[in-house]
PDB file of N, CA and C in Angstrom:
ATOM      1  N   MET A   1      -7.134  -4.207  -6.820  1.00  0.00           N
ATOM      2  CA  MET A   1      -7.590  -5.037  -5.741  1.00  0.00           C
ATOM      3  C   MET A   1      -7.619  -6.471  -6.251  1.00  0.00           C
ATOM      4  N   THR A   2      -7.146  -7.379  -5.442  1.00  0.00           N
ATOM      5  CA  THR A   2      -7.194  -8.797  -5.759  1.00  0.00           C
ATOM      6  C   THR A   2      -8.117  -9.479  -4.768  1.00  0.00           C
ATOM      7  N   VAL A   3      -9.053 -10.270  -5.286  1.00  0.00           N
ATOM      8  CA  VAL A   3     -10.027 -10.981  -4.453  1.00  0.00           C
ATOM      9  C   VAL A   3      -9.852 -12.467  -4.698  1.00  0.00           C
ATOM     10  N   ARG A   4      -9.794 -13.226  -3.614  1.00  0.00           N
ATOM     11  CA  ARG A   4      -9.724 -14.680  -3.715  1.00  0.00           C
ATOM     12  C   ARG A   4     -10.936 -15.262  -3.017  1.00  0.00           C
ATOM     13  N   LEU A   5     -11.710 -16.041  -3.741  1.00  0.00           N
ATOM     14  CA  LEU A   5     -12.887 -16.704  -3.181  1.00  0.00           C
ATOM     15  C   LEU A   5     -12.555 -18.162  -2.957  1.00  0.00           C
ATOM     16  N   SER A   6     -13.012 -18.715  -1.833  1.00  0.00           N
ATOM     17  CA  SER A   6     -12.792 -20.130  -1.561  1.00  0.00           C
ATOM     18  C   SER A   6     -14.060 -20.735  -0.972  1.00  0.00           C
ATOM     19  N   ARG A   7     -14.192 -22.044  -1.147  1.00  0.00           N
ATOM     20  CA  ARG A   7     -15.353 -22.778  -0.620  1.00  0.00           C
ATOM     21  C   ARG A   7     -15.160 -22.997   0.884  1.00  0.00           C
ATOM     22  N   LEU A   8     -16.239 -22.931   1.633  1.00  0.00           N
ATOM     23  CA  LEU A   8     -16.178 -23.143   3.077  1.00  0.00           C
ATOM     24  C   LEU A   8     -15.823 -24.588   3.416  1.00  0.00           C
ATOM     25  N   ILE A   9     -16.277 -25.533   2.613  1.00  0.00           N
ATOM     26  CA  ILE A   9     -16.096 -26.954   2.928  1.00  0.00           C
ATOM     27  C   ILE A   9     -14.629 -27.357   2.884  1.00  0.00           C
ATOM     28  N   ASP A  10     -13.945 -27.049   1.790  1.00  0.00           N
ATOM     29  CA  ASP A  10     -12.575 -27.525   1.615  1.00  0.00           C
ATOM     30  C   ASP A  10     -11.558 -26.415   1.348  1.00  0.00           C
ATOM     31  N   ASN A  11     -11.989 -25.167   1.392  1.00  0.00           N
ATOM     32  CA  ASN A  11     -11.124 -24.003   1.164  1.00  0.00           C
ATOM     33  C   ASN A  11     -10.510 -23.986  -0.234  1.00  0.00           C
ATOM     34  N   ALA A  12     -11.146 -24.679  -1.171  1.00  0.00           N
ATOM     35  CA  ALA A  12     -10.676 -24.705  -2.557  1.00  0.00           C
ATOM     36  C   ALA A  12     -11.079 -23.401  -3.242  1.00  0.00           C
ATOM     37  N   PRO A  13     -10.262 -22.906  -4.151  1.00  0.00           N
ATOM     38  CA  PRO A  13     -10.607 -21.666  -4.854  1.00  0.00           C
ATOM     39  C   PRO A  13     -11.854 -21.835  -5.714  1.00  0.00           C
ATOM     40  N   VAL A  14     -12.656 -20.786  -5.758  1.00  0.00           N
ATOM     41  CA  VAL A  14     -13.858 -20.773  -6.586  1.00  0.00           C
ATOM     42  C   VAL A  14     -13.514 -19.969  -7.836  1.00  0.00           C
ATOM     43  N   ALA A  15     -13.458 -20.673  -8.980  1.00  0.00           N
ATOM     44  CA  ALA A  15     -12.991 -20.008 -10.186  1.00  0.00           C
ATOM     45  C   ALA A  15     -14.059 -19.864 -11.255  1.00  0.00           C
ATOM     46  N   ASP A  16     -15.232 -20.398 -11.034  1.00  0.00           N
ATOM     47  CA  ASP A  16     -16.251 -20.387 -12.085  1.00  0.00           C
ATOM     48  C   ASP A  16     -17.444 -19.506 -11.715  1.00  0.00           C
ATOM     49  N   VAL A  17     -17.166 -18.308 -11.236  1.00  0.00           N
ATOM     50  CA  VAL A  17     -18.231 -17.386 -10.846  1.00  0.00           C
ATOM     51  C   VAL A  17     -18.081 -16.073 -11.601  1.00  0.00           C
ATOM     52  N   VAL A  18     -19.125 -15.274 -11.549  1.00  0.00           N
ATOM     53  CA  VAL A  18     -19.068 -13.902 -12.044  1.00  0.00           C
ATOM     54  C   VAL A  18     -19.046 -13.027 -10.798  1.00  0.00           C
ATOM     55  N   LEU A  19     -17.981 -12.273 -10.642  1.00  0.00           N
ATOM     56  CA  LEU A  19     -17.805 -11.444  -9.453  1.00  0.00           C
ATOM     57  C   LEU A  19     -17.841  -9.980  -9.859  1.00  0.00           C
ATOM     58  N   SER A  20     -18.753  -9.245  -9.240  1.00  0.00           N
ATOM     59  CA  SER A  20     -18.831  -7.798  -9.421  1.00  0.00           C
ATOM     60  C   SER A  20     -18.599  -7.148  -8.068  1.00  0.00           C
ATOM     61  N   VAL A  21     -17.960  -5.998  -8.078  1.00  0.00           N
ATOM     62  CA  VAL A  21     -17.682  -5.267  -6.840  1.00  0.00           C
ATOM     63  C   VAL A  21     -18.349  -3.903  -6.942  1.00  0.00           C
ATOM     64  N   VAL A  22     -19.214  -3.598  -5.970  1.00  0.00           N
ATOM     65  CA  VAL A  22     -19.832  -2.279  -5.900  1.00  0.00           C
ATOM     66  C   VAL A  22     -19.000  -1.480  -4.903  1.00  0.00           C
ATOM     67  N   LEU A  23     -18.328  -0.465  -5.425  1.00  0.00           N
ATOM     68  CA  LEU A  23     -17.427   0.354  -4.617  1.00  0.00           C
ATOM     69  C   LEU A  23     -17.855   1.799  -4.744  1.00  0.00           C
ATOM     70  N   ARG A  24     -18.179   2.414  -3.611  1.00  0.00           N
ATOM     71  CA  ARG A  24     -18.647   3.807  -3.569  1.00  0.00           C
ATOM     72  C   ARG A  24     -19.863   4.005  -4.467  1.00  0.00           C
ATOM     73  N   GLY A  25     -20.748   2.995  -4.502  1.00  0.00           N
ATOM     74  CA  GLY A  25     -22.003   3.099  -5.247  1.00  0.00           C
ATOM     75  C   GLY A  25     -21.902   2.792  -6.726  1.00  0.00           C
ATOM     76  N   VAL A  26     -20.717   2.434  -7.216  1.00  0.00           N
ATOM     77  CA  VAL A  26     -20.522   2.143  -8.636  1.00  0.00           C
ATOM     78  C   VAL A  26     -20.125   0.676  -8.776  1.00  0.00           C
ATOM     79  N   SER A  27     -20.808  -0.042  -9.669  1.00  0.00           N
ATOM     80  CA  SER A  27     -20.508  -1.448  -9.903  1.00  0.00           C
ATOM     81  C   SER A  27     -19.330  -1.588 -10.864  1.00  0.00           C
ATOM     82  N   HIS A  28     -18.393  -2.474 -10.496  1.00  0.00           N
ATOM     83  CA  HIS A  28     -17.204  -2.724 -11.308  1.00  0.00           C
ATOM     84  C   HIS A  28     -17.111  -4.221 -11.589  1.00  0.00           C
ATOM     85  N   ALA A  29     -16.830  -4.573 -12.828  1.00  0.00           N
ATOM     86  CA  ALA A  29     -16.601  -5.971 -13.183  1.00  0.00           C
ATOM     87  C   ALA A  29     -15.167  -6.340 -12.823  1.00  0.00           C
ATOM     88  N   THR A  30     -14.962  -7.593 -12.448  1.00  0.00           N
ATOM     89  CA  THR A  30     -13.624  -8.075 -12.138  1.00  0.00           C
ATOM     90  C   THR A  30     -13.126  -8.955 -13.283  1.00  0.00           C
ATOM     91  N   THR A  31     -11.836  -9.173 -13.294  1.00  0.00           N
ATOM     92  CA  THR A  31     -11.215 -10.023 -14.302  1.00  0.00           C
ATOM     93  C   THR A  31     -10.694 -11.282 -13.626  1.00  0.00           C
ATOM     94  N   ALA A  32     -11.102 -12.448 -14.138  1.00  0.00           N
ATOM     95  CA  ALA A  32     -10.637 -13.723 -13.583  1.00  0.00           C
ATOM     96  C   ALA A  32      -9.183 -13.949 -13.974  1.00  0.00           C
ATOM     97  N   GLN A  33      -8.394 -14.425 -13.019  1.00  0.00           N
ATOM     98  CA  GLN A  33      -6.975 -14.707 -13.249  1.00  0.00           C
ATOM     99  C   GLN A  33      -6.749 -16.221 -13.297  1.00  0.00           C
ATOM    100  N   ALA A  34      -5.608 -16.636 -13.815  1.00  0.00           N
ATOM    101  CA  ALA A  34      -5.291 -18.054 -13.962  1.00  0.00           C
ATOM    102  C   ALA A  34      -5.174 -18.770 -12.612  1.00  0.00           C
ATOM    103  N   ASP A  35      -4.779 -18.041 -11.561  1.00  0.00           N
ATOM    104  CA  ASP A  35      -4.610 -18.671 -10.250  1.00  0.00           C
ATOM    105  C   ASP A  35      -5.912 -18.796  -9.461  1.00  0.00           C
ATOM    106  N   GLY A  36      -7.034 -18.414 -10.070  1.00  0.00           N
ATOM    107  CA  GLY A  36      -8.333 -18.512  -9.404  1.00  0.00           C
ATOM    108  C   GLY A  36      -8.758 -17.243  -8.699  1.00  0.00           C
ATOM    109  N   SER A  37      -7.936 -16.218  -8.720  1.00  0.00           N
ATOM    110  CA  SER A  37      -8.299 -14.951  -8.087  1.00  0.00           C
ATOM    111  C   SER A  37      -8.986 -14.041  -9.105  1.00  0.00           C
ATOM    112  N   TYR A  38      -9.507 -12.932  -8.614  1.00  0.00           N
ATOM    113  CA  TYR A  38     -10.179 -11.936  -9.442  1.00  0.00           C
ATOM    114  C   TYR A  38      -9.540 -10.583  -9.144  1.00  0.00           C
ATOM    115  N   THR A  39      -9.312  -9.799 -10.187  1.00  0.00           N
ATOM    116  CA  THR A  39      -8.694  -8.494  -9.981  1.00  0.00           C
ATOM    117  C   THR A  39      -9.624  -7.375 -10.428  1.00  0.00           C
ATOM    118  N   LEU A  40      -9.443  -6.241  -9.782  1.00  0.00           N
ATOM    119  CA  LEU A  40     -10.225  -5.047 -10.081  1.00  0.00           C
ATOM    120  C   LEU A  40      -9.278  -3.864 -10.071  1.00  0.00           C
ATOM    121  N   GLU A  41      -9.346  -3.055 -11.112  1.00  0.00           N
ATOM    122  CA  GLU A  41      -8.579  -1.814 -11.166  1.00  0.00           C
ATOM    123  C   GLU A  41      -9.564  -0.670 -11.326  1.00  0.00           C
ATOM    124  N   SER A  42      -9.493   0.280 -10.398  1.00  0.00           N
ATOM    125  CA  SER A  42     -10.400   1.417 -10.428  1.00  0.00           C
ATOM    126  C   SER A  42      -9.747   2.597  -9.738  1.00  0.00           C
ATOM    127  N   LYS A  43     -10.033   3.796 -10.235  1.00  0.00           N
ATOM    128  CA  LYS A  43      -9.521   5.008  -9.590  1.00  0.00           C
ATOM    129  C   LYS A  43     -10.165   5.202  -8.220  1.00  0.00           C
ATOM    130  N   ASP A  44     -11.339   4.590  -7.996  1.00  0.00           N
ATOM    131  CA  ASP A  44     -12.005   4.699  -6.703  1.00  0.00           C
ATOM    132  C   ASP A  44     -11.187   4.054  -5.588  1.00  0.00           C
ATOM    133  N   LEU A  45     -10.295   3.122  -5.933  1.00  0.00           N
ATOM    134  CA  LEU A  45      -9.457   2.480  -4.924  1.00  0.00           C
ATOM    135  C   LEU A  45      -8.362   3.405  -4.409  1.00  0.00           C
ATOM    136  N   ALA A  46      -8.091   4.493  -5.120  1.00  0.00           N
ATOM    137  CA  ALA A  46      -7.051   5.434  -4.698  1.00  0.00           C
ATOM    138  C   ALA A  46      -7.595   6.546  -3.806  1.00  0.00           C
ATOM    139  N   LEU A  47      -8.914   6.660  -3.699  1.00  0.00           N
ATOM    140  CA  LEU A  47      -9.507   7.711  -2.869  1.00  0.00           C
ATOM    141  C   LEU A  47      -9.382   7.332  -1.402  1.00  0.00           C
ATOM    142  N   PRO A  48      -8.800   8.196  -0.564  1.00  0.00           N
ATOM    143  CA  PRO A  48      -8.629   7.852   0.846  1.00  0.00           C
ATOM    144  C   PRO A  48      -9.950   7.873   1.598  1.00  0.00           C
ATOM    145  N   GLY A  49      -9.962   7.136   2.712  1.00  0.00           N
ATOM    146  CA  GLY A  49     -11.134   7.111   3.577  1.00  0.00           C
ATOM    147  C   GLY A  49     -11.848   5.769   3.527  1.00  0.00           C
ATOM    148  N   ALA A  50     -12.910   5.674   4.303  1.00  0.00           N
ATOM    149  CA  ALA A  50     -13.688   4.440   4.361  1.00  0.00           C
ATOM    150  C   ALA A  50     -14.645   4.370   3.179  1.00  0.00           C
ATOM    151  N   ALA A  51     -14.818   3.166   2.662  1.00  0.00           N
ATOM    152  CA  ALA A  51     -15.722   2.957   1.534  1.00  0.00           C
ATOM    153  C   ALA A  51     -16.515   1.679   1.774  1.00  0.00           C
ATOM    154  N   VAL A  52     -17.808   1.740   1.512  1.00  0.00           N
ATOM    155  CA  VAL A  52     -18.651   0.553   1.605  1.00  0.00           C
ATOM    156  C   VAL A  52     -18.429  -0.253   0.335  1.00  0.00           C
ATOM    157  N   VAL A  53     -18.162  -1.553   0.513  1.00  0.00           N
ATOM    158  CA  VAL A  53     -17.889  -2.443  -0.610  1.00  0.00           C
ATOM    159  C   VAL A  53     -18.890  -3.591  -0.559  1.00  0.00           C
ATOM    160  N   GLU A  54     -19.430  -3.923  -1.721  1.00  0.00           N
ATOM    161  CA  GLU A  54     -20.335  -5.065  -1.813  1.00  0.00           C
ATOM    162  C   GLU A  54     -19.823  -5.985  -2.913  1.00  0.00           C
ATOM    163  N   PHE A  55     -19.560  -7.232  -2.538  1.00  0.00           N
ATOM    164  CA  PHE A  55     -19.126  -8.236  -3.500  1.00  0.00           C
ATOM    165  C   PHE A  55     -20.355  -9.010  -3.943  1.00  0.00           C
ATOM    166  N   GLN A  56     -20.643  -8.993  -5.226  1.00  0.00           N
ATOM    167  CA  GLN A  56     -21.796  -9.701  -5.780  1.00  0.00           C
ATOM    168  C   GLN A  56     -21.272 -10.915  -6.537  1.00  0.00           C
ATOM    169  N   VAL A  57     -21.550 -12.096  -5.976  1.00  0.00           N
ATOM    170  CA  VAL A  57     -21.050 -13.348  -6.523  1.00  0.00           C
ATOM    171  C   VAL A  57     -22.213 -14.091  -7.166  1.00  0.00           C
ATOM    172  N   ALA A  58     -22.079 -14.439  -8.460  1.00  0.00           N
ATOM    173  CA  ALA A  58     -23.115 -15.180  -9.180  1.00  0.00           C
ATOM    174  C   ALA A  58     -22.492 -16.444  -9.766  1.00  0.00           C
ATOM    175  N   GLN A  59     -23.108 -17.579  -9.432  1.00  0.00           N
ATOM    176  CA  GLN A  59     -22.655 -18.861  -9.969  1.00  0.00           C
ATOM    177  C   GLN A  59     -23.896 -19.637 -10.395  1.00  0.00           C
ATOM    178  N   GLY A  60     -24.172 -19.614 -11.696  1.00  0.00           N
ATOM    179  CA  GLY A  60     -25.394 -20.230 -12.207  1.00  0.00           C
ATOM    180  C   GLY A  60     -26.602 -19.472 -11.673  1.00  0.00           C
ATOM    181  N   ALA A  61     -27.508 -20.186 -11.009  1.00  0.00           N
ATOM    182  CA  ALA A  61     -28.705 -19.561 -10.445  1.00  0.00           C
ATOM    183  C   ALA A  61     -28.475 -19.052  -9.026  1.00  0.00           C
ATOM    184  N   THR A  62     -27.342 -19.383  -8.438  1.00  0.00           N
ATOM    185  CA  THR A  62     -27.030 -18.979  -7.064  1.00  0.00           C
ATOM    186  C   THR A  62     -26.370 -17.611  -7.062  1.00  0.00           C
ATOM    187  N   ARG A  63     -26.854 -16.744  -6.182  1.00  0.00           N
ATOM    188  CA  ARG A  63     -26.286 -15.406  -6.049  1.00  0.00           C
ATOM    189  C   ARG A  63     -26.093 -15.101  -4.562  1.00  0.00           C
ATOM    190  N   GLN A  64     -24.968 -14.457  -4.268  1.00  0.00           N
ATOM    191  CA  GLN A  64     -24.680 -14.031  -2.901  1.00  0.00           C
ATOM    192  C   GLN A  64     -24.124 -12.621  -2.931  1.00  0.00           C
ATOM    193  N   ASN A  65     -24.504 -11.848  -1.925  1.00  0.00           N
ATOM    194  CA  ASN A  65     -23.976 -10.497  -1.754  1.00  0.00           C
ATOM    195  C   ASN A  65     -23.238 -10.452  -0.425  1.00  0.00           C
ATOM    196  N   LEU A  66     -22.003 -10.037  -0.477  1.00  0.00           N
ATOM    197  CA  LEU A  66     -21.180  -9.922   0.715  1.00  0.00           C
ATOM    198  C   LEU A  66     -20.810  -8.463   0.885  1.00  0.00           C
ATOM    199  N   LYS A  67     -21.127  -7.889   2.050  1.00  0.00           N
ATOM    200  CA  LYS A  67     -20.866  -6.468   2.290  1.00  0.00           C
ATOM    201  C   LYS A  67     -19.743  -6.302   3.300  1.00  0.00           C
ATOM    202  N   ALA A  68     -18.943  -5.257   3.085  1.00  0.00           N
ATOM    203  CA  ALA A  68     -17.824  -4.964   3.979  1.00  0.00           C
ATOM    204  C   ALA A  68     -17.508  -3.479   3.900  1.00  0.00           C
ATOM    205  N   THR A  69     -16.620  -3.044   4.765  1.00  0.00           N
ATOM    206  CA  THR A  69     -16.107  -1.680   4.726  1.00  0.00           C
ATOM    207  C   THR A  69     -14.610  -1.761   4.460  1.00  0.00           C
ATOM    208  N   LEU A  70     -14.165  -0.987   3.502  1.00  0.00           N
ATOM    209  CA  LEU A  70     -12.764  -0.948   3.125  1.00  0.00           C
ATOM    210  C   LEU A  70     -12.182   0.378   3.587  1.00  0.00           C
ATOM    211  N   GLN A  71     -11.113   0.321   4.365  1.00  0.00           N
ATOM    212  CA  GLN A  71     -10.434   1.524   4.829  1.00  0.00           C
ATOM    213  C   GLN A  71      -9.217   1.762   3.951  1.00  0.00           C
ATOM    214  N   ILE A  72      -9.245   2.832   3.171  1.00  0.00           N
ATOM    215  CA  ILE A  72      -8.137   3.164   2.273  1.00  0.00           C
ATOM    216  C   ILE A  72      -7.334   4.257   2.948  1.00  0.00           C
ATOM    217  N   SER A  73      -6.055   3.975   3.207  1.00  0.00           N
ATOM    218  CA  SER A  73      -5.249   4.886   4.019  1.00  0.00           C
ATOM    219  C   SER A  73      -4.779   6.126   3.282  1.00  0.00           C
ATOM    220  N   GLY A  74      -4.567   6.067   2.003  1.00  0.00           N
ATOM    221  CA  GLY A  74      -4.108   7.251   1.292  1.00  0.00           C
ATOM    222  C   GLY A  74      -4.069   7.005  -0.198  1.00  0.00           C
ATOM    223  N   GLY A  75      -4.018   8.089  -0.953  1.00  0.00           N
ATOM    224  CA  GLY A  75      -3.982   7.966  -2.398  1.00  0.00           C
ATOM    225  C   GLY A  75      -2.574   7.731  -2.898  1.00  0.00           C
ATOM    226  N   GLY A  76      -2.458   7.565  -4.177  1.00  0.00           N
ATOM    227  CA  GLY A  76      -1.153   7.380  -4.792  1.00  0.00           C
ATOM    228  C   GLY A  76      -0.727   5.928  -4.792  1.00  0.00           C
ATOM    229  N   GLN A  77       0.477   5.715  -5.219  1.00  0.00           N
ATOM    230  CA  GLN A  77       1.023   4.371  -5.300  1.00  0.00           C
ATOM    231  C   GLN A  77       1.450   3.902  -3.919  1.00  0.00           C
ATOM    232  N   PRO A  78       1.330   2.603  -3.633  1.00  0.00           N
ATOM    233  CA  PRO A  78       1.793   2.094  -2.343  1.00  0.00           C
ATOM    234  C   PRO A  78       3.288   2.319  -2.194  1.00  0.00           C
ATOM    235  N   GLY A  79       3.694   2.759  -1.019  1.00  0.00           N
ATOM    236  CA  GLY A  79       5.103   2.989  -0.748  1.00  0.00           C
ATOM    237  C   GLY A  79       5.615   4.342  -1.208  1.00  0.00           C
ATOM    238  N   GLU A  80       4.764   5.141  -1.843  1.00  0.00           N
ATOM    239  CA  GLU A  80       5.203   6.435  -2.351  1.00  0.00           C
ATOM    240  C   GLU A  80       5.638   7.351  -1.209  1.00  0.00           C
ATOM    241  N   THR A  81       4.864   7.437  -0.152  1.00  0.00           N
ATOM    242  CA  THR A  81       5.221   8.305   0.976  1.00  0.00           C
ATOM    243  C   THR A  81       6.375   7.725   1.766  1.00  0.00           C
ATOM    244  N   SER A  82       6.443   6.395   1.894  1.00  0.00           N
ATOM    245  CA  SER A  82       7.545   5.820   2.655  1.00  0.00           C
ATOM    246  C   SER A  82       8.866   6.000   1.920  1.00  0.00           C
ATOM    247  N   ASN A  83       8.861   5.979   0.584  1.00  0.00           N
ATOM    248  CA  ASN A  83      10.088   6.217  -0.166  1.00  0.00           C
ATOM    249  C   ASN A  83      10.573   7.646   0.028  1.00  0.00           C
ATOM    250  N   ALA A  84       9.659   8.609  -0.009  1.00  0.00           N
ATOM    251  CA  ALA A  84      10.043  10.003   0.214  1.00  0.00           C
ATOM    252  C   ALA A  84      10.541  10.192   1.641  1.00  0.00           C
ATOM    253  N   ARG A  85       9.872   9.577   2.583  1.00  0.00           N
ATOM    254  CA  ARG A  85      10.286   9.681   3.984  1.00  0.00           C
ATOM    255  C   ARG A  85      11.669   9.073   4.175  1.00  0.00           C
ATOM    256  N   GLN A  86      11.936   7.950   3.535  1.00  0.00           N
ATOM    257  CA  GLN A  86      13.239   7.307   3.650  1.00  0.00           C
ATOM    258  C   GLN A  86      14.327   8.181   3.025  1.00  0.00           C
ATOM    259  N   LEU A  87      14.026   8.808   1.891  1.00  0.00           N
ATOM    260  CA  LEU A  87      14.991   9.700   1.257  1.00  0.00           C
ATOM    261  C   LEU A  87      15.354  10.863   2.178  1.00  0.00           C
ATOM    262  N   TRP A  88      14.338  11.467   2.799  1.00  0.00           N
ATOM    263  CA  TRP A  88      14.605  12.575   3.733  1.00  0.00           C
ATOM    264  C   TRP A  88      15.385  12.085   4.949  1.00  0.00           C
ATOM    265  N   TRP A  89      15.127  10.889   5.400  1.00  0.00           N
ATOM    266  CA  TRP A  89      15.838  10.333   6.546  1.00  0.00           C
ATOM    267  C   TRP A  89      17.324  10.173   6.208  1.00  0.00           C
ATOM    268  N   TRP A  90      17.636   9.666   5.019  1.00  0.00           N
ATOM    269  CA  TRP A  90      19.026   9.512   4.612  1.00  0.00           C
ATOM    270  C   TRP A  90      19.706  10.879   4.459  1.00  0.00           C
ATOM    271  N   ALA A  91      19.021  11.854   3.895  1.00  0.00           N
ATOM    272  CA  ALA A  91      19.584  13.198   3.748  1.00  0.00           C
ATOM    273  C   ALA A  91      19.888  13.791   5.115  1.00  0.00           C
ATOM    274  N   LEU A  92      18.984  13.607   6.064  1.00  0.00           N
ATOM    275  CA  LEU A  92      19.207  14.102   7.421  1.00  0.00           C
ATOM    276  C   LEU A  92      20.400  13.404   8.060  1.00  0.00           C
ATOM    277  N   ASN A  93      20.508  12.102   7.883  1.00  0.00           N
ATOM    278  CA  ASN A  93      21.650  11.360   8.436  1.00  0.00           C
ATOM    279  C   ASN A  93      22.971  11.869   7.869  1.00  0.00           C
ATOM    280  N   PHE A  94      23.027  12.077   6.550  1.00  0.00           N
ATOM    281  CA  PHE A  94      24.252  12.590   5.945  1.00  0.00           C
ATOM    282  C   PHE A  94      24.579  13.990   6.454  1.00  0.00           C
ATOM    283  N   ALA A  95      23.569  14.845   6.591  1.00  0.00           N
ATOM    284  CA  ALA A  95      23.809  16.206   7.080  1.00  0.00           C
ATOM    285  C   ALA A  95      24.346  16.182   8.504  1.00  0.00           C
ATOM    286  N   VAL A  96      23.813  15.334   9.353  1.00  0.00           N
ATOM    287  CA  VAL A  96      24.288  15.230  10.737  1.00  0.00           C
ATOM    288  C   VAL A  96      25.721  14.710  10.767  1.00  0.00           C
ATOM    289  N   CYS A  97      26.013  13.696   9.947  1.00  0.00           N
ATOM    290  CA  CYS A  97      27.384  13.152   9.908  1.00  0.00           C
ATOM    291  C   CYS A  97      28.377  14.190   9.411  1.00  0.00           C
ATOM    292  N   ILE A  98      28.034  14.909   8.366  1.00  0.00           N
ATOM    293  CA  ILE A  98      28.927  15.948   7.836  1.00  0.00           C
ATOM    294  C   ILE A  98      29.129  17.049   8.873  1.00  0.00           C
ATOM    295  N   GLY A  99      28.058  17.461   9.539  1.00  0.00           N
ATOM    296  CA  GLY A  99      28.174  18.481  10.584  1.00  0.00           C
ATOM    297  C   GLY A  99      29.057  18.017  11.723  1.00  0.00           C
ATOM    298  N   PHE A 100      28.914  16.764  12.149  1.00  0.00           N
ATOM    299  CA  PHE A 100      29.753  16.217  13.221  1.00  0.00           C
ATOM    300  C   PHE A 100      31.216  16.201  12.803  1.00  0.00           C
ATOM    301  N   LEU A 101      31.492  15.759  11.574  1.00  0.00           N
ATOM    302  CA  LEU A 101      32.880  15.718  11.102  1.00  0.00           C
ATOM    303  C   LEU A 101      33.485  17.118  11.005  1.00  0.00           C
ATOM    304  N   MET A 102      32.692  18.109  10.597  1.00  0.00           N
ATOM    305  CA  MET A 102      33.195  19.490  10.529  1.00  0.00           C
ATOM    306  C   MET A 102      33.520  20.009  11.921  1.00  0.00           C
ATOM    307  N   LEU A 103      32.639  19.756  12.895  1.00  0.00           N
ATOM    308  CA  LEU A 103      32.903  20.193  14.271  1.00  0.00           C
ATOM    309  C   LEU A 103      34.129  19.505  14.840  1.00  0.00           C
ATOM    310  N   LEU A 104      34.288  18.241  14.578  1.00  0.00           N
ATOM    311  CA  LEU A 104      35.444  17.498  15.058  1.00  0.00           C
ATOM    312  C   LEU A 104      36.736  18.029  14.426  1.00  0.00           C
ATOM    313  N   SER A 105      36.676  18.345  13.148  1.00  0.00           N
ATOM    314  CA  SER A 105      37.839  18.897  12.449  1.00  0.00           C
ATOM    315  C   SER A 105      38.216  20.255  13.024  1.00  0.00           C
ATOM    316  N   ARG A 106      37.228  21.119  13.276  1.00  0.00           N
ATOM    317  CA  ARG A 106      37.504  22.442  13.857  1.00  0.00           C
ATOM    318  C   ARG A 106      38.102  22.304  15.247  1.00  0.00           C
ATOM    319  N   ARG A 107      37.594  21.372  16.022  1.00  0.00           N
ATOM    320  CA  ARG A 107      38.087  21.188  17.382  1.00  0.00           C
ATOM    321  C   ARG A 107      39.543  20.737  17.367  1.00  0.00           C
ATOM    322  N   ARG A 108      39.865  19.829  16.474  1.00  0.00           N
ATOM    323  CA  ARG A 108      41.258  19.365  16.369  1.00  0.00           C
ATOM    324  C   ARG A 108      42.172  20.494  15.902  1.00  0.00           C
ATOM    325  N   LYS A 109      41.677  21.280  14.949  1.00  0.00           N
ATOM    326  CA  LYS A 109      42.483  22.392  14.445  1.00  0.00           C
ATOM    327  C   LYS A 109      42.720  23.422  15.545  1.00  0.00           C
ATOM    328  N   THR A 110      41.691  23.719  16.341  1.00  0.00           N
ATOM    329  CA  THR A 110      41.815  24.672  17.448  1.00  0.00           C
ATOM    330  C   THR A 110      42.779  24.130  18.497  1.00  0.00           C
ATOM    331  N   ALA A 111      42.712  22.834  18.765  1.00  0.00           N
ATOM    332  CA  ALA A 111      43.605  22.234  19.760  1.00  0.00           C
ATOM    333  C   ALA A 111      45.045  22.284  19.272  1.00  0.00           C
ATOM    334  N   GLN A 112      45.285  22.094  17.989  1.00  0.00           N
ATOM    335  CA  GLN A 112      46.650  22.155  17.453  1.00  0.00           C
ATOM    336  C   GLN A 112      47.176  23.584  17.487  1.00  0.00           C
ATOM    337  N   ASP A 113      46.305  24.567  17.242  1.00  0.00           N
ATOM    338  CA  ASP A 113      46.740  25.971  17.244  1.00  0.00           C
ATOM    339  C   ASP A 113      47.113  26.421  18.661  1.00  0.00           C
ATOM    340  N   LYS A 114      46.508  25.874  19.682  1.00  0.00           N
ATOM    341  CA  LYS A 114      46.771  26.288  21.049  1.00  0.00           C
ATOM    342  C   LYS A 114      47.995  25.616  21.654  1.00  0.00           C
ATOM    343  N   GLU A 115      48.456  24.535  21.055  1.00  0.00           N
ATOM    344  CA  GLU A 115      49.629  23.843  21.600  1.00  0.00           C
ATOM    345  C   GLU A 115      50.880  24.716  21.454  1.00  0.00           C
ATOM    346  N   PRO A 116      51.674  24.798  22.533  1.00  0.00           N
ATOM    347  CA  PRO A 116      52.916  25.580  22.442  1.00  0.00           C
ATOM    348  C   PRO A 116      53.950  24.850  21.595  1.00  0.00           C
ATOM    349  N   LEU A 117      54.766  25.608  20.916  1.00  0.00           N
ATOM    350  CA  LEU A 117      55.803  25.033  20.057  1.00  0.00           C
ATOM    351  C   LEU A 117      57.053  24.782  20.799  1.00  0.00           C
TER     352      LEU A 117
END
């Protein structure tokens, strides 16, 4: 998960905070990135279904808690099911094309056999 925090006044990135994410009741530390974003890697992000998420932002003496609901559509790597679906779609297309060509070939052969000499 990548989180980008920005100031309300000027929409500038907030890069000098400590950001923790409470996901499914477990607190996770984030890693600050060079571009001002924060990343989180957790197996809890792969569990499908709705999850309550709380972002705990601490900057000096100021602390804020932001709560949200995260809807996770499915487990596994992103695009994993679409790649399998696309593969099956191509296999089906090839099978239909081959079947059509076989039927067309048989029809032509039958038409040639029926022609009088």
